Amino acid sequence: MAETPEPEVEETPEDEMKRKFREALDRKRNQSADAGAGGQGTDHSKIHGAHGPAASKRSFRRKSGG
């Protein structure tokens, strides 16, 4: 049996937008998967130590008028 292609259904603008977003998301996922294969550890962030306990708690004092 020869396979017959399904008749193309016109995409609505919403369907086209969803399709484009899915394609972009797939590209993004593939790109990040390729970048993660470099073996640079579990932390893939470019900024290290951005969120964490501060070295010491900062205190602010109001200047007196003198």
Protein backbone atom coordinates (compact mmCIF):
# COMPACT_ATOMS: atom_id res chain seq x y z
CA MET A 1 0.00 0.00 0.00
CA ALA A 2 1.24 3.43 -0.83
CA GLU A 3 0.97 5.98 1.92
CA THR A 4 -1.11 8.95 1.01
CA PRO A 5 -0.31 12.22 2.67
CA GLU A 6 -3.06 13.63 4.79
CA PRO A 7 -4.82 16.59 3.26
CA GLU A 8 -3.34 19.79 4.60
CA VAL A 9 -5.60 21.70 6.90
CA GLU A 10 -5.18 25.44 6.88
CA GLU A 11 -3.53 26.66 10.04
CA THR A 12 -5.22 29.36 11.96
CA PRO A 13 -2.97 32.20 13.13
CA GLU A 14 -3.13 30.76 16.66
CA ASP A 15 -2.02 27.33 15.45
CA GLU A 16 0.80 28.84 13.44
CA MET A 17 1.96 30.85 16.47
CA LYS A 18 1.88 27.76 18.69
CA ARG A 19 3.83 25.77 16.10
CA LYS A 20 6.49 28.47 15.86
CA PHE A 21 6.83 28.65 19.64
CA ARG A 22 7.17 24.87 19.87
CA GLU A 23 9.85 24.85 17.17
CA ALA A 24 11.75 27.64 18.92
CA LEU A 25 11.49 25.82 22.25
CA ASP A 26 12.78 22.62 20.69
CA ARG A 27 15.74 24.51 19.20
CA LYS A 28 16.44 26.09 22.59
CA ARG A 29 16.29 22.75 24.38
CA ASN A 30 18.60 21.12 21.84
CA GLN A 31 21.05 24.01 22.09
CA SER A 32 21.14 23.89 25.89
CA ALA A 33 21.50 20.10 25.81
CA ASP A 34 24.48 20.42 23.48
CA ALA A 35 26.06 23.08 25.70
CA GLY A 36 25.51 20.97 28.83
CA ALA A 37 27.39 18.06 27.35
CA GLY A 38 30.68 19.89 27.91
CA GLY A 39 31.10 18.33 31.33
CA GLN A 40 31.62 21.52 33.28
CA GLY A 41 29.92 20.25 36.41
CA THR A 42 26.39 20.68 37.66
CA ASP A 43 26.42 24.48 37.86
CA HIS A 44 25.84 25.88 34.38
CA SER A 45 25.48 29.46 35.58
CA LYS A 46 27.93 32.05 34.34
CA ILE A 47 27.70 33.92 37.65
CA HIS A 48 28.89 31.99 40.67
CA GLY A 49 27.83 32.79 44.20
CA ALA A 50 25.17 35.31 43.21
CA HIS A 51 22.64 33.91 45.67
CA GLY A 52 23.87 32.77 48.97
CA PRO A 53 24.72 33.91 52.43
CA ALA A 54 26.61 37.18 52.52
CA ALA A 55 30.08 37.20 54.05
CA SER A 56 28.90 39.55 56.76
CA LYS A 57 25.63 41.31 57.40
CA ARG A 58 25.75 44.91 56.24
CA SER A 59 24.51 47.58 58.55
CA PHE A 60 23.44 51.03 57.45
CA ARG A 61 23.65 54.08 59.67
CA ARG A 62 22.08 57.40 59.06
CA LYS A 63 24.50 60.29 58.97
CA SER A 64 24.07 62.80 61.72
CA GLY A 65 23.82 66.45 60.79
CA GLY A 66 27.12 67.43 62.38
